[in-house]
PDB file of N, CA and C in Angstrom:
ATOM      1  N   MET A   1      26.929  -2.328   7.048  1.00  0.00           N
ATOM      2  CA  MET A   1      26.757  -0.804   6.913  1.00  0.00           C
ATOM      3  C   MET A   1      27.939  -0.031   6.139  1.00  0.00           C
ATOM      4  N   ALA A   2      27.328   0.747   5.629  1.00  0.00           N
ATOM      5  CA  ALA A   2      28.810   1.787   5.244  1.00  0.00           C
ATOM      6  C   ALA A   2      29.304   2.722   6.012  1.00  0.00           C
ATOM      7  N   HIS A   3      30.374   3.115   6.137  1.00  0.00           N
ATOM      8  CA  HIS A   3      31.118   3.824   7.091  1.00  0.00           C
ATOM      9  C   HIS A   3      31.793   4.657   6.345  1.00  0.00           C
ATOM     10  N   HIS A   4      32.159   4.939   5.308  1.00  0.00           N
ATOM     11  CA  HIS A   4      32.935   6.048   4.511  1.00  0.00           C
ATOM     12  C   HIS A   4      31.293   7.088   4.133  1.00  0.00           C
ATOM     13  N   LYS A   5      32.029   8.096   3.850  1.00  0.00           N
ATOM     14  CA  LYS A   5      30.701   9.300   3.418  1.00  0.00           C
ATOM     15  C   LYS A   5      30.313   9.011   2.252  1.00  0.00           C
ATOM     16  N   SER A   6      31.503   8.573   1.316  1.00  0.00           N
ATOM     17  CA  SER A   6      30.867   8.740  -0.407  1.00  0.00           C
ATOM     18  C   SER A   6      30.185   7.095  -0.170  1.00  0.00           C
ATOM     19  N   ALA A   7      30.171   6.297   0.333  1.00  0.00           N
ATOM     20  CA  ALA A   7      29.533   5.132   0.071  1.00  0.00           C
ATOM     21  C   ALA A   7      27.721   5.372   0.772  1.00  0.00           C
ATOM     22  N   LYS A   8      27.830   5.824   1.661  1.00  0.00           N
ATOM     23  CA  LYS A   8      26.676   6.665   2.379  1.00  0.00           C
ATOM     24  C   LYS A   8      25.930   7.397   1.604  1.00  0.00           C
ATOM     25  N   LYS A   9      26.691   8.271   0.526  1.00  0.00           N
ATOM     26  CA  LYS A   9      25.858   8.868  -0.367  1.00  0.00           C
ATOM     27  C   LYS A   9      25.477   8.726  -1.606  1.00  0.00           C
ATOM     28  N   ARG A  10      26.461   7.474  -1.901  1.00  0.00           N
ATOM     29  CA  ARG A  10      25.740   6.170  -3.117  1.00  0.00           C
ATOM     30  C   ARG A  10      24.362   5.618  -2.673  1.00  0.00           C
ATOM     31  N   ILE A  11      24.701   5.092  -1.349  1.00  0.00           N
ATOM     32  CA  ILE A  11      23.248   4.527  -0.956  1.00  0.00           C
ATOM     33  C   ILE A  11      22.060   5.230  -1.104  1.00  0.00           C
ATOM     34  N   ARG A  12      22.051   6.706  -0.423  1.00  0.00           N
ATOM     35  CA  ARG A  12      21.218   7.115  -0.665  1.00  0.00           C
ATOM     36  C   ARG A  12      20.835   7.539  -1.917  1.00  0.00           C
ATOM     37  N   GLN A  13      22.044   7.955  -2.813  1.00  0.00           N
ATOM     38  CA  GLN A  13      21.539   7.775  -4.559  1.00  0.00           C
ATOM     39  C   GLN A  13      20.816   6.447  -4.853  1.00  0.00           C
ATOM     40  N   THR A  14      21.266   5.551  -4.624  1.00  0.00           N
ATOM     41  CA  THR A  14      20.616   4.415  -5.218  1.00  0.00           C
ATOM     42  C   THR A  14      18.890   3.880  -4.863  1.00  0.00           C
ATOM     43  N   ILE A  15      19.287   4.859  -3.480  1.00  0.00           N
ATOM     44  CA  ILE A  15      17.214   4.642  -3.028  1.00  0.00           C
ATOM     45  C   ILE A  15      16.105   5.050  -3.803  1.00  0.00           C
ATOM     46  N   LYS A  16      17.228   6.782  -4.376  1.00  0.00           N
ATOM     47  CA  LYS A  16      16.243   7.666  -4.522  1.00  0.00           C
ATOM     48  C   LYS A  16      16.262   7.210  -6.050  1.00  0.00           C
ATOM     49  N   ARG A  17      17.017   6.736  -6.715  1.00  0.00           N
ATOM     50  CA  ARG A  17      16.645   6.315  -8.302  1.00  0.00           C
ATOM     51  C   ARG A  17      16.314   5.215  -8.885  1.00  0.00           C
ATOM     52  N   THR A  18      15.906   4.109  -7.693  1.00  0.00           N
ATOM     53  CA  THR A  18      15.462   2.964  -7.794  1.00  0.00           C
ATOM     54  C   THR A  18      14.084   3.142  -7.369  1.00  0.00           C
ATOM     55  N   ALA A  19      13.521   4.139  -6.391  1.00  0.00           N
ATOM     56  CA  ALA A  19      12.026   4.740  -6.253  1.00  0.00           C
ATOM     57  C   ALA A  19      11.818   5.207  -7.667  1.00  0.00           C
ATOM     58  N   ARG A  20      12.591   6.575  -8.091  1.00  0.00           N
ATOM     59  CA  ARG A  20      12.017   7.129  -9.527  1.00  0.00           C
ATOM     60  C   ARG A  20      11.485   6.183 -10.535  1.00  0.00           C
ATOM     61  N   ASN A  21      12.769   5.179 -11.006  1.00  0.00           N
ATOM     62  CA  ASN A  21      12.898   4.089 -12.075  1.00  0.00           C
ATOM     63  C   ASN A  21      11.705   3.355 -11.667  1.00  0.00           C
ATOM     64  N   ARG A  22      11.815   2.958 -10.393  1.00  0.00           N
ATOM     65  CA  ARG A  22      10.034   1.932 -10.082  1.00  0.00           C
ATOM     66  C   ARG A  22       8.859   2.865 -10.305  1.00  0.00           C
ATOM     67  N   SER A  23       8.410   3.621  -9.697  1.00  0.00           N
ATOM     68  CA  SER A  23       7.843   4.689 -10.474  1.00  0.00           C
ATOM     69  C   SER A  23       7.509   5.161 -12.125  1.00  0.00           C
ATOM     70  N   LEU A  24       8.340   5.091 -12.759  1.00  0.00           N
ATOM     71  CA  LEU A  24       8.539   5.617 -14.178  1.00  0.00           C
ATOM     72  C   LEU A  24       7.833   4.060 -14.950  1.00  0.00           C
ATOM     73  N   ARG A  25       8.425   3.244 -14.572  1.00  0.00           N
ATOM     74  CA  ARG A  25       8.106   1.738 -15.056  1.00  0.00           C
ATOM     75  C   ARG A  25       6.946   1.249 -15.083  1.00  0.00           C
ATOM     76  N   SER A  26       6.381   1.229 -13.491  1.00  0.00           N
ATOM     77  CA  SER A  26       5.210   1.572 -13.162  1.00  0.00           C
ATOM     78  C   SER A  26       4.097   2.485 -13.991  1.00  0.00           C
ATOM     79  N   SER A  27       4.361   3.531 -14.199  1.00  0.00           N
ATOM     80  CA  SER A  27       3.315   4.335 -15.023  1.00  0.00           C
ATOM     81  C   SER A  27       3.300   3.638 -16.232  1.00  0.00           C
ATOM     82  N   MET A  28       4.287   3.302 -17.035  1.00  0.00           N
ATOM     83  CA  MET A  28       4.660   2.648 -18.549  1.00  0.00           C
ATOM     84  C   MET A  28       3.729   1.586 -18.591  1.00  0.00           C
ATOM     85  N   ARG A  29       3.887   1.036 -18.002  1.00  0.00           N
ATOM     86  CA  ARG A  29       3.043  -0.507 -18.066  1.00  0.00           C
ATOM     87  C   ARG A  29       1.816  -0.050 -17.640  1.00  0.00           C
ATOM     88  N   THR A  30       1.249   0.382 -16.584  1.00  0.00           N
ATOM     89  CA  THR A  30      -0.251   0.876 -16.271  1.00  0.00           C
ATOM     90  C   THR A  30      -0.416   1.187 -18.183  1.00  0.00           C
ATOM     91  N   ALA A  31      -0.018   2.586 -18.609  1.00  0.00           N
ATOM     92  CA  ALA A  31      -0.294   2.703 -19.805  1.00  0.00           C
ATOM     93  C   ALA A  31      -0.398   1.843 -20.911  1.00  0.00           C
ATOM     94  N   ILE A  32       0.366   0.939 -20.632  1.00  0.00           N
ATOM     95  CA  ILE A  32       0.423  -0.190 -21.612  1.00  0.00           C
ATOM     96  C   ILE A  32      -0.980  -1.276 -21.626  1.00  0.00           C
ATOM     97  N   LYS A  33      -1.097  -1.305 -20.057  1.00  0.00           N
ATOM     98  CA  LYS A  33      -2.332  -2.125 -19.849  1.00  0.00           C
ATOM     99  C   LYS A  33      -3.893  -1.681 -20.244  1.00  0.00           C
ATOM    100  N   GLN A  34      -3.607  -0.052 -20.406  1.00  0.00           N
ATOM    101  CA  GLN A  34      -5.141   0.679 -20.676  1.00  0.00           C
ATOM    102  C   GLN A  34      -5.010   0.240 -22.070  1.00  0.00           C
ATOM    103  N   TYR A  35      -3.937   0.403 -22.919  1.00  0.00           N
ATOM    104  CA  TYR A  35      -4.186   0.406 -24.326  1.00  0.00           C
ATOM    105  C   TYR A  35      -4.239  -0.761 -24.718  1.00  0.00           C
ATOM    106  N   ARG A  36      -4.136  -2.159 -24.342  1.00  0.00           N
ATOM    107  CA  ARG A  36      -4.426  -3.197 -24.406  1.00  0.00           C
ATOM    108  C   ARG A  36      -5.892  -3.658 -23.935  1.00  0.00           C
ATOM    109  N   THR A  37      -6.685  -2.655 -22.834  1.00  0.00           N
ATOM    110  CA  THR A  37      -7.864  -2.733 -22.852  1.00  0.00           C
ATOM    111  C   THR A  37      -8.699  -2.068 -23.834  1.00  0.00           C
ATOM    112  N   LEU A  38      -8.317  -0.751 -24.186  1.00  0.00           N
ATOM    113  CA  LEU A  38      -8.675  -0.182 -25.337  1.00  0.00           C
ATOM    114  C   LEU A  38      -8.999  -1.506 -26.672  1.00  0.00           C
ATOM    115  N   LEU A  39      -7.952  -2.070 -26.799  1.00  0.00           N
ATOM    116  CA  LEU A  39      -8.127  -3.215 -27.678  1.00  0.00           C
ATOM    117  C   LEU A  39      -9.160  -4.129 -27.713  1.00  0.00           C
ATOM    118  N   GLU A  40      -9.178  -4.790 -26.345  1.00  0.00           N
ATOM    119  CA  GLU A  40     -10.097  -5.779 -26.162  1.00  0.00           C
ATOM    120  C   GLU A  40     -11.179  -5.206 -26.234  1.00  0.00           C
ATOM    121  N   GLN A  41     -11.701  -4.055 -25.969  1.00  0.00           N
ATOM    122  CA  GLN A  41     -13.194  -3.877 -26.215  1.00  0.00           C
ATOM    123  C   GLN A  41     -13.588  -3.316 -27.306  1.00  0.00           C
ATOM    124  N   GLY A  42     -12.255  -3.321 -28.199  1.00  0.00           N
ATOM    125  CA  GLY A  42     -12.729  -2.955 -29.833  1.00  0.00           C
ATOM    126  C   GLY A  42     -12.537  -1.657 -30.246  1.00  0.00           C
ATOM    127  N   ASP A  43     -11.845  -1.066 -29.198  1.00  0.00           N
ATOM    128  CA  ASP A  43     -12.263   0.462 -29.731  1.00  0.00           C
ATOM    129  C   ASP A  43     -10.575   0.761 -30.597  1.00  0.00           C
ATOM    130  N   ALA A  44     -10.736   0.617 -31.947  1.00  0.00           N
ATOM    131  CA  ALA A  44      -9.583   0.349 -32.710  1.00  0.00           C
ATOM    132  C   ALA A  44      -9.392   1.764 -32.844  1.00  0.00           C
ATOM    133  N   GLY A  45     -10.500   3.109 -33.133  1.00  0.00           N
ATOM    134  CA  GLY A  45     -10.226   4.198 -33.328  1.00  0.00           C
ATOM    135  C   GLY A  45      -9.376   4.869 -32.434  1.00  0.00           C
ATOM    136  N   VAL A  46      -9.968   4.596 -31.114  1.00  0.00           N
ATOM    137  CA  VAL A  46      -9.336   5.216 -30.049  1.00  0.00           C
ATOM    138  C   VAL A  46      -7.502   4.683 -29.703  1.00  0.00           C
ATOM    139  N   ALA A  47      -7.563   3.252 -30.225  1.00  0.00           N
ATOM    140  CA  ALA A  47      -6.468   2.909 -29.942  1.00  0.00           C
ATOM    141  C   ALA A  47      -5.635   3.365 -30.740  1.00  0.00           C
ATOM    142  N   THR A  48      -5.988   3.144 -31.951  1.00  0.00           N
ATOM    143  CA  THR A  48      -4.738   4.233 -33.128  1.00  0.00           C
ATOM    144  C   THR A  48      -4.350   5.304 -32.638  1.00  0.00           C
ATOM    145  N   GLU A  49      -5.286   5.986 -31.957  1.00  0.00           N
ATOM    146  CA  GLU A  49      -4.695   7.311 -31.314  1.00  0.00           C
ATOM    147  C   GLU A  49      -4.238   7.743 -30.292  1.00  0.00           C
ATOM    148  N   ALA A  50      -4.292   6.452 -29.572  1.00  0.00           N
ATOM    149  CA  ALA A  50      -2.851   6.379 -28.400  1.00  0.00           C
ATOM    150  C   ALA A  50      -1.982   5.655 -28.407  1.00  0.00           C
ATOM    151  N   PHE A  51      -2.028   4.921 -29.993  1.00  0.00           N
ATOM    152  CA  PHE A  51      -0.505   4.177 -30.178  1.00  0.00           C
ATOM    153  C   PHE A  51       0.909   5.007 -30.012  1.00  0.00           C
ATOM    154  N   PRO A  52       0.573   6.222 -30.735  1.00  0.00           N
ATOM    155  CA  PRO A  52       2.126   7.496 -30.952  1.00  0.00           C
ATOM    156  C   PRO A  52       2.148   7.567 -29.538  1.00  0.00           C
ATOM    157  N   LYS A  53       1.295   8.177 -28.378  1.00  0.00           N
ATOM    158  CA  LYS A  53       1.675   8.074 -27.116  1.00  0.00           C
ATOM    159  C   LYS A  53       2.143   6.996 -26.563  1.00  0.00           C
ATOM    160  N   ILE A  54       1.603   5.874 -26.831  1.00  0.00           N
ATOM    161  CA  ILE A  54       2.655   4.642 -25.797  1.00  0.00           C
ATOM    162  C   ILE A  54       3.689   4.815 -26.786  1.00  0.00           C
ATOM    163  N   GLN A  55       3.803   4.891 -27.429  1.00  0.00           N
ATOM    164  CA  GLN A  55       5.160   4.691 -27.954  1.00  0.00           C
ATOM    165  C   GLN A  55       6.076   5.460 -27.448  1.00  0.00           C
ATOM    166  N   LYS A  56       5.736   6.886 -27.531  1.00  0.00           N
ATOM    167  CA  LYS A  56       6.286   8.250 -26.925  1.00  0.00           C
ATOM    168  C   LYS A  56       7.140   7.711 -25.629  1.00  0.00           C
ATOM    169  N   THR A  57       6.225   6.882 -24.546  1.00  0.00           N
ATOM    170  CA  THR A  57       6.312   6.200 -23.380  1.00  0.00           C
ATOM    171  C   THR A  57       7.425   5.615 -23.382  1.00  0.00           C
ATOM    172  N   ILE A  58       7.119   5.094 -24.040  1.00  0.00           N
ATOM    173  CA  ILE A  58       7.921   3.925 -24.104  1.00  0.00           C
ATOM    174  C   ILE A  58       9.614   4.047 -24.664  1.00  0.00           C
ATOM    175  N   ASP A  59       9.689   4.943 -25.303  1.00  0.00           N
ATOM    176  CA  ASP A  59      11.068   5.617 -26.058  1.00  0.00           C
ATOM    177  C   ASP A  59      11.478   6.721 -24.624  1.00  0.00           C
ATOM    178  N   LYS A  60      10.667   7.470 -24.212  1.00  0.00           N
ATOM    179  CA  LYS A  60      11.357   8.141 -22.618  1.00  0.00           C
ATOM    180  C   LYS A  60      12.067   7.502 -22.195  1.00  0.00           C
ATOM    181  N   MET A  61      11.028   6.235 -21.926  1.00  0.00           N
ATOM    182  CA  MET A  61      11.827   5.012 -20.728  1.00  0.00           C
ATOM    183  C   MET A  61      13.555   4.292 -21.384  1.00  0.00           C
ATOM    184  N   VAL A  62      13.878   4.466 -22.795  1.00  0.00           N
ATOM    185  CA  VAL A  62      14.569   4.234 -23.017  1.00  0.00           C
ATOM    186  C   VAL A  62      15.992   5.015 -22.955  1.00  0.00           C
ATOM    187  N   THR A  63      15.010   6.333 -23.085  1.00  0.00           N
ATOM    188  CA  THR A  63      16.159   7.416 -22.957  1.00  0.00           C
ATOM    189  C   THR A  63      16.760   7.785 -21.442  1.00  0.00           C
ATOM    190  N   LYS A  64      15.837   7.471 -20.774  1.00  0.00           N
ATOM    191  CA  LYS A  64      16.135   7.671 -19.264  1.00  0.00           C
ATOM    192  C   LYS A  64      17.028   6.290 -18.537  1.00  0.00           C
ATOM    193  N   GLY A  65      17.092   5.089 -19.360  1.00  0.00           N
ATOM    194  CA  GLY A  65      17.872   4.388 -18.657  1.00  0.00           C
ATOM    195  C   GLY A  65      17.139   3.048 -18.230  1.00  0.00           C
ATOM    196  N   ILE A  66      16.079   3.184 -18.186  1.00  0.00           N
ATOM    197  CA  ILE A  66      14.825   2.038 -17.539  1.00  0.00           C
ATOM    198  C   ILE A  66      14.756   0.994 -18.236  1.00  0.00           C
ATOM    199  N   LEU A  67      14.812   1.037 -19.689  1.00  0.00           N
ATOM    200  CA  LEU A  67      14.436  -0.098 -20.624  1.00  0.00           C
ATOM    201  C   LEU A  67      15.544   0.065 -21.352  1.00  0.00           C
ATOM    202  N   HIS A  68      15.563  -1.317 -21.980  1.00  0.00           N
ATOM    203  CA  HIS A  68      17.020  -1.245 -22.596  1.00  0.00           C
ATOM    204  C   HIS A  68      16.748  -1.323 -24.209  1.00  0.00           C
ATOM    205  N   ARG A  69      17.156  -0.600 -25.061  1.00  0.00           N
ATOM    206  CA  ARG A  69      16.225  -0.412 -26.751  1.00  0.00           C
ATOM    207  C   ARG A  69      15.720  -1.969 -27.411  1.00  0.00           C
ATOM    208  N   ASN A  70      16.519  -2.538 -27.260  1.00  0.00           N
ATOM    209  CA  ASN A  70      15.670  -3.655 -27.628  1.00  0.00           C
ATOM    210  C   ASN A  70      14.858  -4.399 -27.158  1.00  0.00           C
ATOM    211  N   THR A  71      14.427  -4.355 -26.055  1.00  0.00           N
ATOM    212  CA  THR A  71      13.322  -4.630 -24.860  1.00  0.00           C
ATOM    213  C   THR A  71      11.824  -3.562 -25.613  1.00  0.00           C
ATOM    214  N   ALA A  72      12.493  -2.360 -25.205  1.00  0.00           N
ATOM    215  CA  ALA A  72      11.284  -1.525 -26.397  1.00  0.00           C
ATOM    216  C   ALA A  72      11.311  -1.746 -27.500  1.00  0.00           C
ATOM    217  N   ALA A  73      12.062  -1.972 -28.395  1.00  0.00           N
ATOM    218  CA  ALA A  73      11.475  -2.276 -29.771  1.00  0.00           C
ATOM    219  C   ALA A  73      10.396  -3.535 -29.188  1.00  0.00           C
ATOM    220  N   ARG A  74      10.739  -4.677 -29.011  1.00  0.00           N
ATOM    221  CA  ARG A  74      10.025  -5.734 -28.818  1.00  0.00           C
ATOM    222  C   ARG A  74       8.650  -5.081 -28.256  1.00  0.00           C
ATOM    223  N   TYR A  75       8.671  -4.265 -27.014  1.00  0.00           N
ATOM    224  CA  TYR A  75       7.490  -3.970 -26.698  1.00  0.00           C
ATOM    225  C   TYR A  75       6.501  -3.293 -27.751  1.00  0.00           C
ATOM    226  N   LYS A  76       6.886  -2.037 -28.279  1.00  0.00           N
ATOM    227  CA  LYS A  76       6.034  -1.330 -29.626  1.00  0.00           C
ATOM    228  C   LYS A  76       5.839  -2.641 -30.699  1.00  0.00           C
ATOM    229  N   SER A  77       6.763  -3.564 -30.776  1.00  0.00           N
ATOM    230  CA  SER A  77       6.542  -4.023 -32.318  1.00  0.00           C
ATOM    231  C   SER A  77       5.075  -5.606 -32.054  1.00  0.00           C
ATOM    232  N   ARG A  78       5.293  -5.627 -30.336  1.00  0.00           N
ATOM    233  CA  ARG A  78       3.970  -6.442 -30.018  1.00  0.00           C
ATOM    234  C   ARG A  78       2.611  -5.443 -30.165  1.00  0.00           C
ATOM    235  N   LEU A  79       2.643  -4.553 -29.501  1.00  0.00           N
ATOM    236  CA  LEU A  79       1.618  -3.315 -29.179  1.00  0.00           C
ATOM    237  C   LEU A  79       0.932  -3.096 -31.052  1.00  0.00           C
ATOM    238  N   SER A  80       2.169  -2.678 -31.494  1.00  0.00           N
ATOM    239  CA  SER A  80       1.287  -2.744 -33.288  1.00  0.00           C
ATOM    240  C   SER A  80       0.825  -3.819 -33.609  1.00  0.00           C
ATOM    241  N   GLN A  81       1.673  -5.352 -33.866  1.00  0.00           N
ATOM    242  CA  GLN A  81       1.091  -6.151 -34.139  1.00  0.00           C
ATOM    243  C   GLN A  81      -0.606  -6.716 -33.199  1.00  0.00           C
ATOM    244  N   ALA A  82      -1.158  -6.298 -32.404  1.00  0.00           N
ATOM    245  CA  ALA A  82      -2.015  -6.390 -31.646  1.00  0.00           C
ATOM    246  C   ALA A  82      -2.961  -5.361 -32.064  1.00  0.00           C
ATOM    247  N   LEU A  83      -2.539  -4.409 -32.549  1.00  0.00           N
ATOM    248  CA  LEU A  83      -3.514  -3.116 -32.936  1.00  0.00           C
ATOM    249  C   LEU A  83      -3.947  -3.395 -34.676  1.00  0.00           C
ATOM    250  N   ALA A  84      -3.377  -4.273 -35.385  1.00  0.00           N
ATOM    251  CA  ALA A  84      -2.943  -4.595 -36.153  1.00  0.00           C
ATOM    252  C   ALA A  84      -4.174  -5.701 -36.591  1.00  0.00           C
ATOM    253  N   GLU A  85      -4.116  -6.588 -35.610  1.00  0.00           N
ATOM    254  CA  GLU A  85      -4.566  -8.078 -35.463  1.00  0.00           C
ATOM    255  C   GLU A  85      -6.334  -7.917 -35.721  1.00  0.00           C
ATOM    256  N   PRO A  86      -7.002  -7.378 -35.062  1.00  0.00           N
ATOM    257  CA  PRO A  86      -8.356  -6.918 -35.360  1.00  0.00           C
ATOM    258  C   PRO A  86      -8.494  -6.846 -36.447  1.00  0.00           C
ATOM    259  N   SER A  87      -7.868  -5.871 -37.306  1.00  0.00           N
ATOM    260  CA  SER A  87      -8.435  -5.231 -38.678  1.00  0.00           C
ATOM    261  C   SER A  87      -8.211  -5.989 -39.607  1.00  0.00           C
ATOM    262  N   ALA A  88      -6.929  -7.483 -39.714  1.00  0.00           N
ATOM    263  CA  ALA A  88      -6.847  -8.149 -40.628  1.00  0.00           C
ATOM    264  C   ALA A  88      -8.036  -8.996 -41.274  1.00  0.00           C
ATOM    265  N   PRO A  89      -8.762  -9.908 -39.633  1.00  0.00           N
ATOM    266  CA  PRO A  89      -9.794 -10.549 -40.365  1.00  0.00           C
ATOM    267  C   PRO A  89     -10.799 -10.044 -40.640  1.00  0.00           C
ATOM    268  N   ALA A  90     -11.106  -8.307 -40.557  1.00  0.00           N
ATOM    269  CA  ALA A  90     -12.016  -8.035 -40.992  1.00  0.00           C
ATOM    270  C   ALA A  90     -11.473  -7.661 -42.876  1.00  0.00           C
ATOM    271  N   ALA A  91     -10.442  -7.118 -42.872  1.00  0.00           N
ATOM    272  CA  ALA A  91     -10.057  -6.951 -44.061  1.00  0.00           C
ATOM    273  C   ALA A  91     -10.152  -8.393 -45.039  1.00  0.00           C
ATOM    274  N   ALA A  92      -9.846  -9.573 -44.460  1.00  0.00           N
ATOM    275  CA  ALA A  92      -9.480 -10.851 -45.157  1.00  0.00           C
ATOM    276  C   ALA A  92     -10.906 -11.570 -45.628  1.00  0.00           C
ATOM    277  N   THR A  93     -12.380 -10.831 -44.580  1.00  0.00           N
ATOM    278  CA  THR A  93     -13.333 -11.147 -44.778  1.00  0.00           C
ATOM    279  C   THR A  93     -14.435 -10.389 -45.671  1.00  0.00           C
ATOM    280  N   ALA A  94     -13.530  -9.294 -46.290  1.00  0.00           N
ATOM    281  CA  ALA A  94     -14.363  -8.218 -47.211  1.00  0.00           C
ATOM    282  C   ALA A  94     -14.127  -8.193 -48.378  1.00  0.00           C
TER     283      ALA A  94
END
């Protein structure tokens, strides 16, 4: 256990920041899961409207230092691919 005042403070700060980061990361993941369920249900219109909000949420995590920018780019890329996938076969058959 820490004996110095500054070390005790750092421990308190770490606990607080960890809890905040965990909560924000969890809310981001929940939003992504909800978006994926929209895609699975076939609500392309609703999913298209929700996509910018998901992007904004992911970008906020980068700004706050919770996600690395490359990780965020990968998430956004995969989500946009998932959005484009159902419409691609329909366009090919038409």
